[in-house]
Protein backbone atom coordinates (compact mmCIF):
# COMPACT_ATOMS: atom_id res chain seq x y z
CA UNK A 1 0.00 0.00 0.00
CA UNK A 2 1.39 3.38 -0.92
CA UNK A 3 -0.09 5.49 1.91
CA UNK A 4 -2.31 5.28 4.99
CA UNK A 5 -5.98 6.10 5.40
CA UNK A 6 -6.73 9.79 5.82
CA UNK A 7 -7.17 11.03 9.42
CA UNK A 8 -10.77 12.05 8.68
CA UNK A 9 -12.82 9.47 6.82
CA UNK A 10 -13.09 10.47 3.18
CA UNK A 11 -16.56 11.45 1.96
CA UNK A 12 -15.97 11.14 -1.81
CA UNK A 13 -14.21 7.92 -2.81
CA UNK A 14 -13.37 6.57 -6.26
CA UNK A 15 -12.15 3.02 -6.84
CA UNK A 16 -10.07 2.02 -9.84
CA UNK A 17 -8.68 -1.31 -10.96
CA UNK A 18 -8.83 -4.09 -13.49
CA UNK A 19 -12.07 -5.75 -14.48
CA UNK A 20 -12.68 -8.42 -11.86
CA UNK A 21 -10.45 -6.91 -9.18
CA UNK A 22 -13.34 -6.46 -6.74
CA UNK A 23 -14.07 -2.75 -7.09
CA UNK A 24 -17.86 -2.99 -6.81
CA UNK A 25 -17.73 -5.32 -3.82
CA UNK A 26 -15.21 -3.09 -2.04
CA UNK A 27 -17.19 0.05 -2.91
CA UNK A 28 -20.36 -1.45 -1.45
CA UNK A 29 -18.54 -2.39 1.78
CA UNK A 30 -16.99 1.08 2.09
CA UNK A 31 -20.31 2.82 1.40
CA UNK A 32 -22.05 0.70 4.02
CA UNK A 33 -19.32 1.17 6.61
CA UNK A 34 -19.26 4.95 6.16
CA UNK A 35 -22.99 5.40 5.53
CA UNK A 36 -22.35 6.96 2.11
CA UNK A 37 -24.33 6.68 -1.14
CA UNK A 38 -23.04 3.99 -3.51
CA UNK A 39 -22.74 4.89 -7.20
CA UNK A 40 -22.22 1.97 -9.61
CA UNK A 41 -20.59 2.73 -12.95
CA UNK A 42 -22.32 -0.14 -14.74
CA UNK A 43 -25.73 1.14 -13.60
CA UNK A 44 -24.82 4.39 -15.33
CA UNK A 45 -23.37 2.75 -18.42
CA UNK A 46 -25.95 0.09 -19.26
CA UNK A 47 -29.69 0.02 -19.82
CA UNK A 48 -31.75 -3.21 -19.68
CA UNK A 49 -30.98 -5.59 -22.54
CA UNK A 50 -27.29 -4.65 -22.44
CA UNK A 51 -27.99 -1.47 -24.39
CA UNK A 52 -25.36 1.14 -23.78
CA UNK A 53 -26.83 4.30 -22.32
CA UNK A 54 -26.18 7.34 -24.55
CA UNK A 55 -22.91 9.01 -23.57
CA UNK A 56 -24.49 12.40 -22.81
CA UNK A 57 -26.86 10.69 -20.33
CA UNK A 58 -23.97 8.81 -18.73
CA UNK A 59 -22.01 12.04 -18.30
CA UNK A 60 -25.03 13.85 -16.83
CA UNK A 61 -25.74 11.02 -14.39
CA UNK A 62 -22.18 10.67 -13.13
CA UNK A 63 -21.74 14.45 -12.91
CA UNK A 64 -24.90 14.77 -10.82
CA UNK A 65 -23.95 11.86 -8.54
CA UNK A 66 -20.41 13.09 -7.93
CA UNK A 67 -21.44 16.72 -7.44
CA UNK A 68 -22.88 15.61 -4.09
CA UNK A 69 -20.95 16.04 -0.84
CA UNK A 70 -20.58 12.30 -0.27
CA UNK A 71 -20.41 9.16 -2.42
CA UNK A 72 -18.48 6.01 -3.25
CA UNK A 73 -18.04 5.35 -6.98
CA UNK A 74 -16.92 1.84 -7.89
CA UNK A 75 -15.21 2.73 -11.16
CA UNK A 76 -15.12 5.10 -14.10
CA UNK A 77 -15.63 4.61 -17.78
CA UNK A 78 -12.87 6.14 -19.91
CA UNK A 79 -15.43 8.17 -21.84
CA UNK A 80 -16.52 10.11 -18.74
CA UNK A 81 -13.55 9.75 -16.41
CA UNK A 82 -12.66 13.43 -16.90
CA UNK A 83 -15.98 14.40 -15.30
CA UNK A 84 -15.02 12.56 -12.09
CA UNK A 85 -11.30 12.39 -11.36
CA UNK A 86 -10.95 15.85 -9.83
CA UNK A 87 -13.79 15.29 -7.35
CA UNK A 88 -12.76 12.47 -4.96
CA UNK A 89 -11.17 12.99 -1.57
CA UNK A 90 -9.26 9.79 -2.28
CA UNK A 91 -8.82 7.29 -5.10
CA UNK A 92 -8.34 3.65 -4.13
CA UNK A 93 -6.34 1.71 -6.72
CA UNK A 94 -6.76 -2.05 -6.62
CA UNK A 95 -3.34 -2.73 -8.14
CA UNK A 96 -3.49 -6.51 -7.90
CA UNK A 97 -1.63 -9.02 -10.06
CA UNK A 98 -3.40 -9.96 -13.29
CA UNK A 99 -3.87 -13.59 -12.22
CA UNK A 100 -5.86 -12.50 -9.16
CA UNK A 101 -8.30 -10.21 -10.95
CA UNK A 102 -8.68 -12.70 -13.80
CA UNK A 103 -9.37 -15.53 -11.34
CA UNK A 104 -12.00 -13.40 -9.60
CA UNK A 105 -13.55 -12.40 -12.92
CA UNK A 106 -13.78 -15.99 -14.16
CA UNK A 107 -15.30 -17.18 -10.87
CA UNK A 108 -17.82 -14.31 -10.86
CA UNK A 109 -18.77 -14.77 -14.52
CA UNK A 110 -19.33 -18.52 -14.16
CA UNK A 111 -21.39 -17.99 -10.99
CA UNK A 112 -23.57 -15.38 -12.67
CA UNK A 113 -24.12 -17.59 -15.71
CA UNK A 114 -25.07 -20.59 -13.55
CA UNK A 115 -27.34 -18.68 -11.15
CA UNK A 116 -28.79 -16.22 -13.65
CA UNK A 117 -28.06 -13.45 -11.16
CA UNK A 118 -29.25 -10.06 -12.39
CA UNK A 119 -26.54 -7.43 -12.63
CA UNK A 120 -26.70 -3.80 -13.71
CA UNK A 121 -30.27 -2.75 -14.47
CA UNK A 122 -31.56 -6.32 -14.57
CA UNK A 123 -29.10 -7.57 -17.19
CA UNK A 124 -27.79 -11.13 -16.99
CA UNK A 125 -24.51 -12.61 -18.13
CA UNK A 126 -24.73 -15.61 -20.46
CA UNK A 127 -22.33 -18.23 -21.76
CA UNK A 128 -22.85 -16.82 -25.23
CA UNK A 129 -21.72 -13.38 -24.02
CA UNK A 130 -18.74 -14.82 -22.17
CA UNK A 131 -17.55 -16.42 -25.40
CA UNK A 132 -18.42 -13.52 -27.73
CA UNK A 133 -16.18 -10.85 -29.23
CA UNK A 134 -17.64 -8.43 -26.63
CA UNK A 135 -16.76 -10.76 -23.74
CA UNK A 136 -15.98 -9.24 -20.38
CA UNK A 137 -13.12 -11.73 -20.17
CA UNK A 138 -11.68 -10.42 -23.44
CA UNK A 139 -12.16 -6.89 -22.08
CA UNK A 140 -10.06 -7.84 -19.05
CA UNK A 141 -7.13 -8.71 -21.30
CA UNK A 142 -7.57 -5.59 -23.43
CA UNK A 143 -7.78 -3.17 -20.51
CA UNK A 144 -5.68 -4.61 -17.65
CA UNK A 145 -2.36 -2.95 -18.51
CA UNK A 146 -3.96 0.43 -19.27
CA UNK A 147 -5.88 0.44 -15.99
CA UNK A 148 -2.75 -0.45 -14.03
CA UNK A 149 -0.71 2.28 -15.72
CA UNK A 150 -3.49 4.82 -15.10
CA UNK A 151 -3.72 4.21 -11.36
CA UNK A 152 0.05 4.18 -10.97
CA UNK A 153 0.30 7.48 -12.85
CA UNK A 154 -2.38 9.00 -10.62
CA UNK A 155 -0.43 7.93 -7.52
CA UNK A 156 2.54 10.06 -8.62
CA UNK A 157 0.61 13.00 -10.08
CA UNK A 158 0.45 15.94 -7.64
CA UNK A 159 -2.54 17.39 -9.53
CA UNK A 160 -4.66 14.31 -8.76
CA UNK A 161 -6.48 13.53 -5.52
CA UNK A 162 -4.48 11.30 -3.16
CA UNK A 163 -4.30 7.81 -4.67
CA UNK A 164 -3.78 4.81 -2.41
CA UNK A 165 -2.51 1.72 -4.24
CA UNK A 166 -3.30 -1.67 -2.75
CA UNK A 167 -1.12 -4.55 -3.97
CA UNK A 168 -3.00 -7.25 -2.01
CA UNK A 169 -6.64 -7.67 -0.96
CA UNK A 170 -5.51 -7.86 2.68
CA UNK A 171 -4.17 -4.30 2.42
CA UNK A 172 -7.53 -3.02 1.22
CA UNK A 173 -9.29 -5.01 3.93
CA UNK A 174 -7.09 -3.39 6.60
CA UNK A 175 -7.80 0.06 5.13
CA UNK A 176 -11.55 -0.54 5.24
CA UNK A 177 -11.39 -1.89 8.79
CA UNK A 178 -9.47 1.24 9.87
CA UNK A 179 -12.32 3.49 8.73
CA UNK A 180 -14.52 4.87 11.48
CA UNK A 181 -17.95 3.27 10.97
CA UNK A 182 -20.92 5.56 10.42
CA UNK A 183 -23.28 6.08 13.30
CA UNK A 184 -26.77 4.64 12.71
CA UNK A 185 -28.05 3.01 9.57
CA UNK A 186 -25.96 3.02 6.41
CA UNK A 187 -27.14 5.05 3.47
CA UNK A 188 -28.86 2.91 0.90
CA UNK A 189 -28.84 5.39 -1.94
CA UNK A 190 -27.57 4.33 -5.32
CA UNK A 191 -27.83 5.63 -8.85
CA UNK A 192 -31.16 4.73 -10.42
């Protein structure tokens, strides 16, 4: 890990990492622990039927969500990252080895196919999708290096919000556990 948790719990948190690294799961845990609204990038990016939401709508939605005083955003899409990256109090980079995020992605994809679990906006992953040219697994291989380079560049860029790089899941777990839990019920807000 490149630096410690801030003295005051952050109120605007962005996660970044490879597909399958565990960003959404970690974001949900952080949002619950701190009582902050959870914003899910895939809920912004996809409509039912795996139809991509028009870019101008995506940008408007993410801009509105991150204009608030408090939120946890599980990821960014490259096409609207510029609307977000100056707003967090902290960026958490899940800088795990490729084998780990790929293993998690494969396990998650197979589980979703078998169970038919609904994901963003009621969409479901299928075997056909997993084997298609638009496969999320293929996307992992296409984007892994770029995502790693991006988070590492942010960590050394003084114009960016503080970026904490986690090399192992245990480091992220310790960071989350060090956060002061919210008093009362956790916020259950998310992007519609």
